[in-house]
Amino acid sequence: MFESLKERYEKNWCRKDQLARFVQLAAITPEQYEEITGEPYSAI
């Protein structure tokens, strides 16, 4: 899942808010979110 989302984000097929939702669903970790976006994950 991580590699797929990373690729989608790099191609602008996925937004940060969508990635944050995957963190909430436990599909990726907050650390993986940070690795993909370059920004720390903060739960809202």
N, C-alpha and C. Protein backbone atom coordinates (compact mmCIF):
# COMPACT_ATOMS: atom_id res chain seq x y z
N MET A 1 0.83 -1.19 0.00
CA MET A 1 0.00 0.00 0.00
C MET A 1 0.88 1.26 0.00
N PHE A 2 1.92 1.25 0.82
CA PHE A 2 2.80 2.42 0.93
C PHE A 2 3.40 2.80 -0.43
N GLU A 3 3.98 1.85 -1.11
CA GLU A 3 4.63 2.14 -2.39
C GLU A 3 3.63 2.66 -3.42
N SER A 4 2.45 2.08 -3.43
CA SER A 4 1.40 2.51 -4.35
C SER A 4 0.98 3.95 -4.07
N LEU A 5 0.78 4.28 -2.81
CA LEU A 5 0.37 5.64 -2.45
C LEU A 5 1.49 6.64 -2.72
N LYS A 6 2.72 6.23 -2.47
CA LYS A 6 3.85 7.11 -2.73
C LYS A 6 3.92 7.44 -4.22
N GLU A 7 3.76 6.45 -5.05
CA GLU A 7 3.79 6.65 -6.49
C GLU A 7 2.64 7.56 -6.93
N ARG A 8 1.46 7.32 -6.40
CA ARG A 8 0.30 8.15 -6.76
C ARG A 8 0.50 9.60 -6.35
N TYR A 9 1.07 9.81 -5.16
CA TYR A 9 1.31 11.18 -4.69
C TYR A 9 2.32 11.88 -5.58
N GLU A 10 3.38 11.17 -5.96
CA GLU A 10 4.41 11.76 -6.82
C GLU A 10 3.86 12.13 -8.19
N LYS A 11 2.82 11.44 -8.64
CA LYS A 11 2.20 11.73 -9.94
C LYS A 11 1.02 12.71 -9.79
N ASN A 12 0.83 13.23 -8.58
CA ASN A 12 -0.28 14.15 -8.27
C ASN A 12 -1.64 13.51 -8.47
N TRP A 13 -1.71 12.21 -8.24
CA TRP A 13 -2.99 11.49 -8.32
C TRP A 13 -3.62 11.34 -6.94
N CYS A 14 -2.93 11.80 -5.91
CA CYS A 14 -3.39 11.66 -4.53
C CYS A 14 -2.98 12.91 -3.78
N ARG A 15 -3.90 13.45 -2.96
CA ARG A 15 -3.63 14.66 -2.19
C ARG A 15 -3.24 14.32 -0.75
N LYS A 16 -2.72 15.32 -0.05
CA LYS A 16 -2.31 15.13 1.34
C LYS A 16 -3.49 14.75 2.22
N ASP A 17 -4.65 15.35 1.99
CA ASP A 17 -5.80 15.01 2.81
C ASP A 17 -6.23 13.57 2.60
N GLN A 18 -6.04 13.06 1.39
CA GLN A 18 -6.36 11.66 1.13
C GLN A 18 -5.36 10.75 1.84
N LEU A 19 -4.09 11.13 1.82
CA LEU A 19 -3.07 10.34 2.53
C LEU A 19 -3.35 10.35 4.03
N ALA A 20 -3.78 11.49 4.55
CA ALA A 20 -4.09 11.58 5.98
C ALA A 20 -5.22 10.61 6.34
N ARG A 21 -6.17 10.46 5.44
CA ARG A 21 -7.27 9.51 5.68
C ARG A 21 -6.75 8.08 5.74
N PHE A 22 -5.77 7.74 4.91
CA PHE A 22 -5.17 6.40 4.96
C PHE A 22 -4.45 6.18 6.28
N VAL A 23 -3.88 7.23 6.86
CA VAL A 23 -3.27 7.11 8.20
C VAL A 23 -4.37 6.81 9.22
N GLN A 24 -5.48 7.53 9.14
CA GLN A 24 -6.59 7.32 10.07
C GLN A 24 -7.14 5.90 9.96
N LEU A 25 -7.11 5.34 8.77
CA LEU A 25 -7.61 3.98 8.56
C LEU A 25 -6.54 2.91 8.84
N ALA A 26 -5.37 3.35 9.26
CA ALA A 26 -4.24 2.48 9.60
C ALA A 26 -3.70 1.72 8.38
N ALA A 27 -3.88 2.29 7.19
CA ALA A 27 -3.33 1.67 5.99
C ALA A 27 -1.85 2.03 5.85
N ILE A 28 -1.48 3.23 6.32
CA ILE A 28 -0.07 3.63 6.40
C ILE A 28 0.16 4.27 7.76
N THR A 29 1.40 4.36 8.17
CA THR A 29 1.74 4.95 9.47
C THR A 29 1.99 6.44 9.31
N PRO A 30 1.94 7.18 10.42
CA PRO A 30 2.29 8.60 10.35
C PRO A 30 3.71 8.82 9.81
N GLU A 31 4.61 7.92 10.11
CA GLU A 31 5.98 8.02 9.60
C GLU A 31 6.02 7.86 8.08
N GLN A 32 5.20 6.95 7.57
CA GLN A 32 5.13 6.76 6.12
C GLN A 32 4.51 7.99 5.45
N TYR A 33 3.51 8.57 6.09
CA TYR A 33 2.91 9.81 5.58
C TYR A 33 3.99 10.88 5.43
N GLU A 34 4.82 11.02 6.48
CA GLU A 34 5.89 12.01 6.45
C GLU A 34 6.91 11.70 5.35
N GLU A 35 7.21 10.43 5.16
CA GLU A 35 8.14 10.04 4.11
C GLU A 35 7.59 10.38 2.72
N ILE A 36 6.30 10.20 2.53
CA ILE A 36 5.68 10.48 1.23
C ILE A 36 5.60 11.98 0.97
N THR A 37 5.11 12.74 1.95
CA THR A 37 4.83 14.16 1.74
C THR A 37 5.98 15.08 2.11
N GLY A 38 6.87 14.61 2.97
CA GLY A 38 7.94 15.47 3.46
C GLY A 38 7.51 16.37 4.60
N GLU A 39 6.29 16.18 5.07
CA GLU A 39 5.74 16.98 6.17
C GLU A 39 5.26 16.05 7.27
N PRO A 40 5.39 16.46 8.53
CA PRO A 40 4.91 15.61 9.62
C PRO A 40 3.39 15.47 9.59
N TYR A 41 2.92 14.31 10.00
CA TYR A 41 1.48 14.07 10.08
C TYR A 41 0.96 14.66 11.39
N SER A 42 -0.13 15.37 11.29
CA SER A 42 -0.78 15.88 12.49
C SER A 42 -2.26 15.53 12.42
N ALA A 43 -2.71 14.79 13.39
CA ALA A 43 -4.13 14.40 13.44
C ALA A 43 -4.96 15.62 13.78
N ILE A 44 -6.00 15.81 13.02
CA ILE A 44 -6.88 16.99 13.25
C ILE A 44 -8.08 16.56 14.03
